[in-house]
Amino acid sequence: MSGLPPPPSGTTLVLGGARSGKSRHAEALARETGRERLYIATAEPFDDEMRARIARHRADRTRDGWTTLEIPRALPEALVRESRPERVLLVDCLTLWLSNVLLAGADPEQEGAMLVAALAAARGAVILVSNEVGLGLVPETPLGRRFRDAQGRLNQQVAAIAARVHFVAAGLPLVLKGGVSGAG
């Protein structure tokens, strides 16, 4: 349990570092809504380790009553198509989605603007998970720095329009926006 009331319609952004507990927190928020739950997974299986990780997560979600869509790139379209008042969408995660966008050679600013527009058009609750990547070392490569900068800008854009923003560290959520009463 997250310890917070479930999110109403609107957008909730859950930020954190790798293995911070952000996905577990987002899943708890979604379960607490009592609504139909749709998990939009953005990972692509580029290697054996990632294929095994995806298979494990898929099996866990199936046991826990989730419906899953795997959408590595067409996230804005999926948000508009799949959102409805009786459903909560959980997107895990924006970080992998943005990585897929960059690796495909697409413009991250344009794709981010399309994502923000799709969130504004969503007809139900949307919970998004994203890594806060700017807290660590400066990446060594130009692509790494471009990704870090694009992810920071995307997180800021989504946080600006989100009704609620939570930051998770060591499994503990901190409400950055929306407050406890606004989180429900």
N, C-alpha and C. Protein backbone atom coordinates (compact mmCIF):
# COMPACT_ATOMS: atom_id res chain seq x y z
N MET A 1 0.84 -1.18 0.00
CA MET A 1 0.00 0.00 0.00
C MET A 1 0.88 1.24 0.00
N SER A 2 0.42 2.28 -0.70
CA SER A 2 1.19 3.51 -0.81
C SER A 2 1.02 4.40 0.42
N GLY A 3 -0.08 4.22 1.17
CA GLY A 3 -0.35 5.09 2.30
C GLY A 3 -1.03 6.39 1.90
N LEU A 4 -1.26 6.57 0.60
CA LEU A 4 -1.92 7.77 0.10
C LEU A 4 -3.23 7.36 -0.55
N PRO A 5 -4.20 8.28 -0.59
CA PRO A 5 -5.45 7.96 -1.28
C PRO A 5 -5.18 7.71 -2.75
N PRO A 6 -6.03 6.94 -3.43
CA PRO A 6 -5.82 6.66 -4.84
C PRO A 6 -5.98 7.93 -5.68
N PRO A 7 -5.26 8.00 -6.81
CA PRO A 7 -5.40 9.18 -7.65
C PRO A 7 -6.74 9.20 -8.37
N PRO A 8 -7.35 10.38 -8.47
CA PRO A 8 -8.55 10.50 -9.29
C PRO A 8 -8.13 10.59 -10.76
N SER A 9 -9.04 10.99 -11.61
CA SER A 9 -8.66 11.23 -13.00
C SER A 9 -7.60 12.31 -13.02
N GLY A 10 -6.77 12.24 -14.02
CA GLY A 10 -5.66 13.18 -14.13
C GLY A 10 -4.36 12.42 -14.14
N THR A 11 -3.29 13.16 -14.13
CA THR A 11 -1.95 12.58 -14.27
C THR A 11 -1.21 12.60 -12.95
N THR A 12 -0.58 11.46 -12.65
CA THR A 12 0.35 11.35 -11.52
C THR A 12 1.69 10.94 -12.08
N LEU A 13 2.75 11.66 -11.75
CA LEU A 13 4.11 11.33 -12.15
C LEU A 13 4.84 10.80 -10.93
N VAL A 14 5.44 9.62 -11.07
CA VAL A 14 6.22 9.02 -10.00
C VAL A 14 7.67 8.96 -10.46
N LEU A 15 8.52 9.75 -9.81
CA LEU A 15 9.94 9.85 -10.13
C LEU A 15 10.78 9.11 -9.11
N GLY A 16 11.97 8.72 -9.51
CA GLY A 16 12.92 8.12 -8.58
C GLY A 16 14.12 7.60 -9.35
N GLY A 17 15.09 7.11 -8.62
CA GLY A 17 16.26 6.52 -9.23
C GLY A 17 16.03 5.04 -9.52
N ALA A 18 17.04 4.41 -10.09
CA ALA A 18 16.97 2.98 -10.37
C ALA A 18 16.81 2.22 -9.06
N ARG A 19 15.87 1.28 -9.04
CA ARG A 19 15.60 0.41 -7.89
C ARG A 19 15.19 1.20 -6.64
N SER A 20 14.55 2.33 -6.84
CA SER A 20 14.12 3.16 -5.72
C SER A 20 12.79 2.71 -5.12
N GLY A 21 12.03 1.89 -5.87
CA GLY A 21 10.70 1.49 -5.44
C GLY A 21 9.60 2.27 -6.14
N LYS A 22 9.97 3.05 -7.17
CA LYS A 22 8.99 3.90 -7.85
C LYS A 22 7.93 3.08 -8.57
N SER A 23 8.29 1.98 -9.22
CA SER A 23 7.29 1.16 -9.92
C SER A 23 6.34 0.50 -8.92
N ARG A 24 6.87 -0.01 -7.85
CA ARG A 24 6.02 -0.62 -6.81
C ARG A 24 5.04 0.40 -6.24
N HIS A 25 5.52 1.62 -6.01
CA HIS A 25 4.65 2.69 -5.51
C HIS A 25 3.56 3.02 -6.53
N ALA A 26 3.92 3.15 -7.79
CA ALA A 26 2.95 3.46 -8.84
C ALA A 26 1.91 2.35 -8.97
N GLU A 27 2.35 1.11 -8.88
CA GLU A 27 1.42 -0.03 -8.95
C GLU A 27 0.44 0.00 -7.78
N ALA A 28 0.93 0.34 -6.60
CA ALA A 28 0.05 0.42 -5.43
C ALA A 28 -0.98 1.54 -5.61
N LEU A 29 -0.55 2.67 -6.13
CA LEU A 29 -1.50 3.76 -6.40
C LEU A 29 -2.58 3.30 -7.37
N ALA A 30 -2.18 2.59 -8.40
CA ALA A 30 -3.15 2.11 -9.41
C ALA A 30 -4.12 1.11 -8.80
N ARG A 31 -3.60 0.16 -8.02
CA ARG A 31 -4.47 -0.85 -7.38
C ARG A 31 -5.50 -0.19 -6.48
N GLU A 32 -5.08 0.84 -5.74
CA GLU A 32 -5.95 1.50 -4.77
C GLU A 32 -7.10 2.27 -5.43
N THR A 33 -7.04 2.49 -6.74
CA THR A 33 -8.15 3.19 -7.40
C THR A 33 -9.37 2.29 -7.49
N GLY A 34 -9.17 0.96 -7.47
CA GLY A 34 -10.27 0.03 -7.63
C GLY A 34 -10.77 -0.06 -9.07
N ARG A 35 -10.08 0.60 -9.98
CA ARG A 35 -10.48 0.61 -11.38
C ARG A 35 -9.80 -0.51 -12.15
N GLU A 36 -10.31 -0.74 -13.35
CA GLU A 36 -9.63 -1.62 -14.30
C GLU A 36 -8.22 -1.06 -14.51
N ARG A 37 -7.22 -1.95 -14.52
CA ARG A 37 -5.83 -1.50 -14.61
C ARG A 37 -5.18 -1.95 -15.91
N LEU A 38 -4.64 -0.99 -16.65
CA LEU A 38 -3.91 -1.28 -17.88
C LEU A 38 -2.47 -0.81 -17.72
N TYR A 39 -1.56 -1.74 -17.87
CA TYR A 39 -0.12 -1.48 -17.72
C TYR A 39 0.46 -1.27 -19.11
N ILE A 40 1.02 -0.12 -19.36
CA ILE A 40 1.68 0.14 -20.64
C ILE A 40 3.18 0.07 -20.40
N ALA A 41 3.78 -1.00 -20.91
CA ALA A 41 5.20 -1.26 -20.73
C ALA A 41 5.96 -0.75 -21.96
N THR A 42 7.05 -0.04 -21.74
CA THR A 42 7.79 0.58 -22.85
C THR A 42 9.12 -0.08 -23.16
N ALA A 43 9.51 -1.11 -22.40
CA ALA A 43 10.81 -1.75 -22.60
C ALA A 43 10.85 -2.54 -23.90
N GLU A 44 12.02 -2.56 -24.51
CA GLU A 44 12.25 -3.40 -25.69
C GLU A 44 13.32 -4.43 -25.33
N PRO A 45 13.14 -5.67 -25.76
CA PRO A 45 14.08 -6.76 -25.40
C PRO A 45 15.29 -6.81 -26.33
N PHE A 46 16.27 -5.95 -26.07
CA PHE A 46 17.45 -5.90 -26.92
C PHE A 46 18.50 -6.97 -26.60
N ASP A 47 18.42 -7.60 -25.42
CA ASP A 47 19.39 -8.63 -25.07
C ASP A 47 18.72 -9.69 -24.20
N ASP A 48 19.46 -10.75 -23.90
CA ASP A 48 18.88 -11.87 -23.14
C ASP A 48 18.45 -11.46 -21.74
N GLU A 49 19.24 -10.62 -21.07
CA GLU A 49 18.89 -10.19 -19.72
C GLU A 49 17.57 -9.42 -19.75
N MET A 50 17.43 -8.53 -20.74
CA MET A 50 16.20 -7.73 -20.82
C MET A 50 15.02 -8.60 -21.21
N ARG A 51 15.21 -9.58 -22.07
CA ARG A 51 14.11 -10.50 -22.42
C ARG A 51 13.64 -11.25 -21.18
N ALA A 52 14.56 -11.72 -20.35
CA ALA A 52 14.20 -12.43 -19.12
C ALA A 52 13.48 -11.50 -18.14
N ARG A 53 13.96 -10.28 -18.03
CA ARG A 53 13.34 -9.29 -17.12
C ARG A 53 11.90 -8.99 -17.57
N ILE A 54 11.72 -8.78 -18.87
CA ILE A 54 10.39 -8.49 -19.40
C ILE A 54 9.45 -9.67 -19.17
N ALA A 55 9.92 -10.88 -19.40
CA ALA A 55 9.09 -12.08 -19.19
C ALA A 55 8.68 -12.21 -17.73
N ARG A 56 9.61 -11.94 -16.82
CA ARG A 56 9.31 -12.02 -15.38
C ARG A 56 8.27 -10.97 -14.99
N HIS A 57 8.44 -9.74 -15.46
CA HIS A 57 7.49 -8.67 -15.14
C HIS A 57 6.12 -8.96 -15.74
N ARG A 58 6.10 -9.49 -16.96
CA ARG A 58 4.83 -9.83 -17.61
C ARG A 58 4.08 -10.87 -16.80
N ALA A 59 4.79 -11.91 -16.35
CA ALA A 59 4.17 -12.97 -15.54
C ALA A 59 3.67 -12.42 -14.21
N ASP A 60 4.45 -11.57 -13.56
CA ASP A 60 4.02 -10.96 -12.29
C ASP A 60 2.74 -10.14 -12.46
N ARG A 61 2.69 -9.35 -13.52
CA ARG A 61 1.50 -8.52 -13.75
C ARG A 61 0.28 -9.38 -14.04
N THR A 62 0.45 -10.44 -14.80
CA THR A 62 -0.67 -11.32 -15.13
C THR A 62 -1.26 -11.91 -13.85
N ARG A 63 -0.39 -12.37 -12.95
CA ARG A 63 -0.85 -12.94 -11.68
C ARG A 63 -1.57 -11.90 -10.82
N ASP A 64 -1.19 -10.64 -10.98
CA ASP A 64 -1.75 -9.57 -10.15
C ASP A 64 -2.96 -8.89 -10.79
N GLY A 65 -3.47 -9.43 -11.90
CA GLY A 65 -4.70 -8.91 -12.48
C GLY A 65 -4.57 -7.74 -13.43
N TRP A 66 -3.38 -7.46 -13.92
CA TRP A 66 -3.17 -6.38 -14.87
C TRP A 66 -3.44 -6.87 -16.29
N THR A 67 -3.90 -5.97 -17.13
CA THR A 67 -3.84 -6.16 -18.57
C THR A 67 -2.63 -5.37 -19.03
N THR A 68 -1.82 -5.94 -19.92
CA THR A 68 -0.59 -5.28 -20.34
C THR A 68 -0.58 -5.02 -21.84
N LEU A 69 -0.15 -3.84 -22.20
CA LEU A 69 0.17 -3.50 -23.58
C LEU A 69 1.65 -3.15 -23.62
N GLU A 70 2.35 -3.67 -24.60
CA GLU A 70 3.75 -3.33 -24.77
C GLU A 70 3.84 -2.32 -25.90
N ILE A 71 4.19 -1.09 -25.53
CA ILE A 71 4.19 0.05 -26.46
C ILE A 71 5.55 0.75 -26.34
N PRO A 72 6.53 0.33 -27.10
CA PRO A 72 7.86 0.95 -26.97
C PRO A 72 7.96 2.36 -27.54
N ARG A 73 7.12 2.75 -28.51
CA ARG A 73 7.26 4.07 -29.14
C ARG A 73 5.98 4.85 -29.25
N ALA A 74 4.86 4.25 -29.60
CA ALA A 74 3.62 4.98 -29.92
C ALA A 74 2.83 5.30 -28.65
N LEU A 75 3.51 5.83 -27.65
CA LEU A 75 2.88 6.08 -26.36
C LEU A 75 1.80 7.17 -26.41
N PRO A 76 2.02 8.31 -27.05
CA PRO A 76 0.94 9.32 -27.07
C PRO A 76 -0.35 8.77 -27.67
N GLU A 77 -0.24 8.04 -28.77
CA GLU A 77 -1.42 7.47 -29.40
C GLU A 77 -2.11 6.47 -28.48
N ALA A 78 -1.33 5.65 -27.79
CA ALA A 78 -1.90 4.65 -26.88
C ALA A 78 -2.63 5.32 -25.72
N LEU A 79 -2.09 6.41 -25.19
CA LEU A 79 -2.74 7.11 -24.08
C LEU A 79 -4.12 7.63 -24.48
N VAL A 80 -4.20 8.22 -25.65
CA VAL A 80 -5.49 8.75 -26.12
C VAL A 80 -6.46 7.61 -26.41
N ARG A 81 -5.97 6.57 -27.05
CA ARG A 81 -6.83 5.44 -27.44
C ARG A 81 -7.32 4.64 -26.23
N GLU A 82 -6.48 4.43 -25.24
CA GLU A 82 -6.77 3.50 -24.14
C GLU A 82 -7.35 4.15 -22.89
N SER A 83 -7.26 5.46 -22.76
CA SER A 83 -7.75 6.09 -21.53
C SER A 83 -9.27 6.17 -21.53
N ARG A 84 -9.84 5.94 -20.36
CA ARG A 84 -11.29 6.08 -20.15
C ARG A 84 -11.53 6.23 -18.65
N PRO A 85 -12.65 6.82 -18.28
CA PRO A 85 -12.89 7.13 -16.86
C PRO A 85 -12.86 5.92 -15.92
N GLU A 86 -13.25 4.76 -16.38
CA GLU A 86 -13.30 3.58 -15.51
C GLU A 86 -11.97 2.82 -15.44
N ARG A 87 -10.94 3.36 -16.06
CA ARG A 87 -9.66 2.65 -16.15
C ARG A 87 -8.53 3.55 -15.65
N VAL A 88 -7.53 2.93 -15.05
CA VAL A 88 -6.29 3.63 -14.72
C VAL A 88 -5.19 3.05 -15.61
N LEU A 89 -4.43 3.94 -16.24
CA LEU A 89 -3.29 3.53 -17.05
C LEU A 89 -2.03 3.75 -16.25
N LEU A 90 -1.14 2.77 -16.27
CA LEU A 90 0.17 2.93 -15.64
C LEU A 90 1.21 2.76 -16.74
N VAL A 91 2.03 3.78 -16.95
CA VAL A 91 3.09 3.76 -17.95
C VAL A 91 4.42 3.54 -17.23
N ASP A 92 5.08 2.46 -17.55
CA ASP A 92 6.38 2.15 -16.94
C ASP A 92 7.34 1.74 -18.05
N CYS A 93 8.20 2.61 -18.48
CA CYS A 93 8.46 3.92 -17.92
C CYS A 93 8.79 4.93 -19.02
N LEU A 94 8.72 6.20 -18.67
CA LEU A 94 9.05 7.26 -19.61
C LEU A 94 10.52 7.24 -19.99
N THR A 95 11.37 6.76 -19.11
CA THR A 95 12.81 6.73 -19.37
C THR A 95 13.13 5.78 -20.52
N LEU A 96 12.55 4.58 -20.49
CA LEU A 96 12.78 3.64 -21.60
C LEU A 96 12.10 4.14 -22.87
N TRP A 97 10.92 4.74 -22.74
CA TRP A 97 10.25 5.30 -23.91
C TRP A 97 11.13 6.36 -24.58
N LEU A 98 11.68 7.28 -23.80
CA LEU A 98 12.52 8.32 -24.37
C LEU A 98 13.78 7.73 -24.99
N SER A 99 14.35 6.72 -24.37
CA SER A 99 15.50 6.04 -24.94
C SER A 99 15.14 5.45 -26.30
N ASN A 100 13.97 4.83 -26.40
CA ASN A 100 13.51 4.27 -27.67
C ASN A 100 13.34 5.37 -28.73
N VAL A 101 12.80 6.52 -28.30
CA VAL A 101 12.62 7.66 -29.20
C VAL A 101 13.97 8.11 -29.75
N LEU A 102 14.94 8.28 -28.87
CA LEU A 102 16.27 8.74 -29.29
C LEU A 102 16.96 7.72 -30.20
N LEU A 103 16.87 6.45 -29.84
CA LEU A 103 17.52 5.41 -30.65
C LEU A 103 16.88 5.28 -32.03
N ALA A 104 15.62 5.66 -32.15
CA ALA A 104 14.93 5.63 -33.44
C ALA A 104 15.23 6.88 -34.28
N GLY A 105 15.98 7.82 -33.71
CA GLY A 105 16.33 9.03 -34.44
C GLY A 105 15.24 10.08 -34.46
N ALA A 106 14.22 9.92 -33.63
CA ALA A 106 13.13 10.89 -33.57
C ALA A 106 13.54 12.08 -32.70
N ASP A 107 12.84 13.19 -32.86
CA ASP A 107 13.10 14.41 -32.11
C ASP A 107 12.46 14.31 -30.73
N PRO A 108 13.25 14.26 -29.65
CA PRO A 108 12.67 14.10 -28.31
C PRO A 108 11.79 15.27 -27.89
N GLU A 109 12.07 16.48 -28.36
CA GLU A 109 11.24 17.63 -28.01
C GLU A 109 9.86 17.50 -28.64
N GLN A 110 9.82 17.13 -29.90
CA GLN A 110 8.54 16.96 -30.60
C GLN A 110 7.74 15.81 -30.00
N GLU A 111 8.41 14.69 -29.72
CA GLU A 111 7.74 13.54 -29.12
C GLU A 111 7.23 13.87 -27.72
N GLY A 112 8.02 14.63 -26.96
CA GLY A 112 7.60 15.05 -25.63
C GLY A 112 6.36 15.94 -25.69
N ALA A 113 6.33 16.85 -26.65
CA ALA A 113 5.16 17.72 -26.81
C ALA A 113 3.92 16.90 -27.16
N MET A 114 4.09 15.88 -28.00
CA MET A 114 2.95 15.01 -28.34
C MET A 114 2.48 14.23 -27.11
N LEU A 115 3.42 13.80 -26.26
CA LEU A 115 3.06 13.09 -25.03
C LEU A 115 2.27 14.00 -24.10
N VAL A 116 2.73 15.23 -23.90
CA VAL A 116 2.04 16.17 -23.03
C VAL A 116 0.63 16.44 -23.55
N ALA A 117 0.49 16.60 -24.86
CA ALA A 117 -0.84 16.81 -25.45
C ALA A 117 -1.74 15.60 -25.22
N ALA A 118 -1.18 14.41 -25.34
CA ALA A 118 -1.97 13.18 -25.11
C ALA A 118 -2.41 13.09 -23.66
N LEU A 119 -1.54 13.47 -22.73
CA LEU A 119 -1.91 13.45 -21.31
C LEU A 119 -3.05 14.42 -21.04
N ALA A 120 -3.00 15.58 -21.69
CA ALA A 120 -4.08 16.56 -21.52
C ALA A 120 -5.40 16.04 -22.08
N ALA A 121 -5.33 15.19 -23.09
CA ALA A 121 -6.54 14.64 -23.72
C ALA A 121 -7.03 13.35 -23.06
N ALA A 122 -6.24 12.78 -22.17
CA ALA A 122 -6.62 11.51 -21.53
C ALA A 122 -7.91 11.67 -20.75
N ARG A 123 -8.75 10.63 -20.79
CA ARG A 123 -10.08 10.69 -20.18
C ARG A 123 -10.16 9.96 -18.85
N GLY A 124 -9.06 9.61 -18.25
CA GLY A 124 -9.06 8.91 -16.98
C GLY A 124 -7.75 9.13 -16.27
N ALA A 125 -7.53 8.34 -15.23
CA ALA A 125 -6.29 8.45 -14.45
C ALA A 125 -5.12 7.84 -15.23
N VAL A 126 -4.01 8.55 -15.24
CA VAL A 126 -2.77 8.07 -15.85
C VAL A 126 -1.66 8.24 -14.82
N ILE A 127 -0.95 7.16 -14.56
CA ILE A 127 0.20 7.19 -13.65
C ILE A 127 1.43 6.88 -14.49
N LEU A 128 2.41 7.76 -14.45
CA LEU A 128 3.63 7.59 -15.24
C LEU A 128 4.81 7.41 -14.30
N VAL A 129 5.68 6.48 -14.64
CA VAL A 129 6.91 6.23 -13.89
C VAL A 129 8.07 6.77 -14.73
N SER A 130 9.00 7.47 -14.09
CA SER A 130 10.15 7.99 -14.81
C SER A 130 11.36 8.07 -13.88
N ASN A 131 12.52 7.87 -14.45
CA ASN A 131 13.75 7.97 -13.66
C ASN A 131 14.18 9.43 -13.58
N GLU A 132 14.65 9.81 -12.42
CA GLU A 132 15.29 11.10 -12.24
C GLU A 132 16.77 10.85 -12.51
N VAL A 133 17.21 11.14 -13.73
CA VAL A 133 18.56 10.75 -14.15
C VAL A 133 19.61 11.82 -13.90
N GLY A 134 19.22 13.01 -13.49
CA GLY A 134 20.18 14.09 -13.33
C GLY A 134 20.86 14.16 -11.98
N LEU A 135 20.68 13.17 -11.14
CA LEU A 135 21.28 13.21 -9.80
C LEU A 135 22.65 12.55 -9.74
N GLY A 136 23.05 11.88 -10.81
CA GLY A 136 24.30 11.12 -10.79
C GLY A 136 25.43 11.83 -11.50
N LEU A 137 26.35 11.03 -11.99
CA LEU A 137 27.51 11.55 -12.70
C LEU A 137 27.11 12.12 -14.05
N VAL A 138 27.94 13.03 -14.57
CA VAL A 138 27.74 13.55 -15.91
C VAL A 138 28.14 12.43 -16.88
N PRO A 139 27.24 12.07 -17.82
CA PRO A 139 27.57 11.00 -18.77
C PRO A 139 28.82 11.34 -19.58
N GLU A 140 29.58 10.30 -19.93
CA GLU A 140 30.83 10.48 -20.68
C GLU A 140 30.62 10.78 -22.16
N THR A 141 29.53 10.30 -22.73
CA THR A 141 29.34 10.40 -24.17
C THR A 141 28.35 11.51 -24.53
N PRO A 142 28.46 12.04 -25.75
CA PRO A 142 27.48 13.04 -26.20
C PRO A 142 26.05 12.48 -26.19
N LEU A 143 25.85 11.23 -26.61
CA LEU A 143 24.50 10.64 -26.59
C LEU A 143 23.98 10.54 -25.15
N GLY A 144 24.85 10.15 -24.23
CA GLY A 144 24.46 10.06 -22.83
C GLY A 144 24.04 11.41 -22.27
N ARG A 145 24.79 12.46 -22.60
CA ARG A 145 24.45 13.80 -22.13
C ARG A 145 23.16 14.30 -22.80
N ARG A 146 22.99 13.98 -24.08
CA ARG A 146 21.76 14.38 -24.79
C ARG A 146 20.55 13.69 -24.14
N PHE A 147 20.70 12.40 -23.82
CA PHE A 147 19.62 11.66 -23.18
C PHE A 147 19.30 12.25 -21.80
N ARG A 148 20.32 12.48 -20.99
CA ARG A 148 20.10 13.04 -19.65
C ARG A 148 19.37 14.37 -19.72
N ASP A 149 19.80 15.23 -20.64
CA ASP A 149 19.17 16.54 -20.78
C ASP A 149 17.73 16.41 -21.26
N ALA A 150 17.50 15.54 -22.25
CA ALA A 150 16.14 15.34 -22.78
C ALA A 150 15.23 14.75 -21.70
N GLN A 151 15.75 13.83 -20.90
CA GLN A 151 14.93 13.22 -19.84
C GLN A 151 14.58 14.25 -18.78
N GLY A 152 15.53 15.09 -18.42
CA GLY A 152 15.25 16.15 -17.45
C GLY A 152 14.17 17.10 -17.95
N ARG A 153 14.27 17.49 -19.24
CA ARG A 153 13.24 18.38 -19.80
C ARG A 153 11.88 17.68 -19.86
N LEU A 154 11.85 16.41 -20.26
CA LEU A 154 10.59 15.67 -20.32
C LEU A 154 9.96 15.56 -18.94
N ASN A 155 10.74 15.21 -17.93
CA ASN A 155 10.21 15.13 -16.57
C ASN A 155 9.63 16.46 -16.12
N GLN A 156 10.29 17.56 -16.45
CA GLN A 156 9.78 18.88 -16.08
C GLN A 156 8.46 19.18 -16.78
N GLN A 157 8.36 18.85 -18.07
CA GLN A 157 7.14 19.11 -18.83
C GLN A 157 5.97 18.31 -18.27
N VAL A 158 6.20 17.03 -17.98
CA VAL A 158 5.14 16.20 -17.45
C VAL A 158 4.76 16.65 -16.04
N ALA A 159 5.75 16.97 -15.22
CA ALA A 159 5.47 17.44 -13.85
C ALA A 159 4.66 18.73 -13.86
N ALA A 160 4.91 19.59 -14.84
CA ALA A 160 4.19 20.87 -14.91
C ALA A 160 2.70 20.68 -15.15
N ILE A 161 2.32 19.64 -15.90
CA ILE A 161 0.90 19.44 -16.19
C ILE A 161 0.26 18.39 -15.28
N ALA A 162 1.08 17.66 -14.53
CA ALA A 162 0.55 16.61 -13.65
C ALA A 162 -0.17 17.21 -12.45
N ALA A 163 -1.24 16.56 -12.03
CA ALA A 163 -1.94 16.97 -10.82
C ALA A 163 -1.14 16.59 -9.58
N ARG A 164 -0.41 15.48 -9.68
CA ARG A 164 0.36 14.96 -8.56
C ARG A 164 1.74 14.51 -9.04
N VAL A 165 2.76 14.78 -8.22
CA VAL A 165 4.12 14.30 -8.50
C VAL A 165 4.67 13.73 -7.21
N HIS A 166 5.13 12.49 -7.27
CA HIS A 166 5.75 11.82 -6.12
C HIS A 166 7.20 11.51 -6.49
N PHE A 167 8.08 11.63 -5.51
CA PHE A 167 9.48 11.22 -5.68
C PHE A 167 9.71 10.07 -4.71
N VAL A 168 10.27 8.96 -5.19
CA VAL A 168 10.50 7.78 -4.35
C VAL A 168 12.00 7.55 -4.20
N ALA A 169 12.45 7.42 -2.95
CA ALA A 169 13.83 7.09 -2.64
C ALA A 169 13.80 6.03 -1.54
N ALA A 170 14.57 4.98 -1.71
CA ALA A 170 14.66 3.89 -0.73
C ALA A 170 13.28 3.34 -0.38
N GLY A 171 12.38 3.32 -1.39
CA GLY A 171 11.05 2.78 -1.19
C GLY A 171 10.07 3.71 -0.48
N LEU A 172 10.51 4.93 -0.19
CA LEU A 172 9.67 5.88 0.54
C LEU A 172 9.22 7.01 -0.38
N PRO A 173 7.90 7.19 -0.53
CA PRO A 173 7.42 8.26 -1.40
C PRO A 173 7.39 9.61 -0.69
N LEU A 174 7.76 10.62 -1.42
CA LEU A 174 7.69 12.01 -0.97
C LEU A 174 6.79 12.74 -1.96
N VAL A 175 5.74 13.39 -1.48
CA VAL A 175 4.83 14.11 -2.36
C VAL A 175 5.45 15.47 -2.66
N LEU A 176 5.73 15.69 -3.95
CA LEU A 176 6.30 16.97 -4.39
C LEU A 176 5.22 17.94 -4.85
N LYS A 177 4.12 17.39 -5.36
CA LYS A 177 3.04 18.22 -5.88
C LYS A 177 1.73 17.48 -5.68
N GLY A 178 0.72 18.20 -5.27
CA GLY A 178 -0.60 17.60 -5.11
C GLY A 178 -0.98 17.33 -3.69
N GLY A 179 -0.01 17.33 -2.78
CA GLY A 179 -0.31 17.10 -1.37
C GLY A 179 -1.07 15.84 -1.10
N VAL A 180 -1.20 15.47 0.15
CA VAL A 180 -1.93 14.26 0.53
C VAL A 180 -3.38 14.39 0.12
N SER A 181 -4.01 15.54 0.41
CA SER A 181 -5.41 15.69 0.03
C SER A 181 -5.56 15.78 -1.48
N GLY A 182 -4.57 16.40 -2.16
CA GLY A 182 -4.61 16.49 -3.62
C GLY A 182 -4.25 15.19 -4.29
N ALA A 183 -3.60 14.27 -3.57
CA ALA A 183 -3.22 12.99 -4.16
C ALA A 183 -4.43 12.08 -4.28
N GLY A 184 -5.51 12.38 -3.64
CA GLY A 184 -6.68 11.52 -3.67
C GLY A 184 -7.76 12.13 -4.40
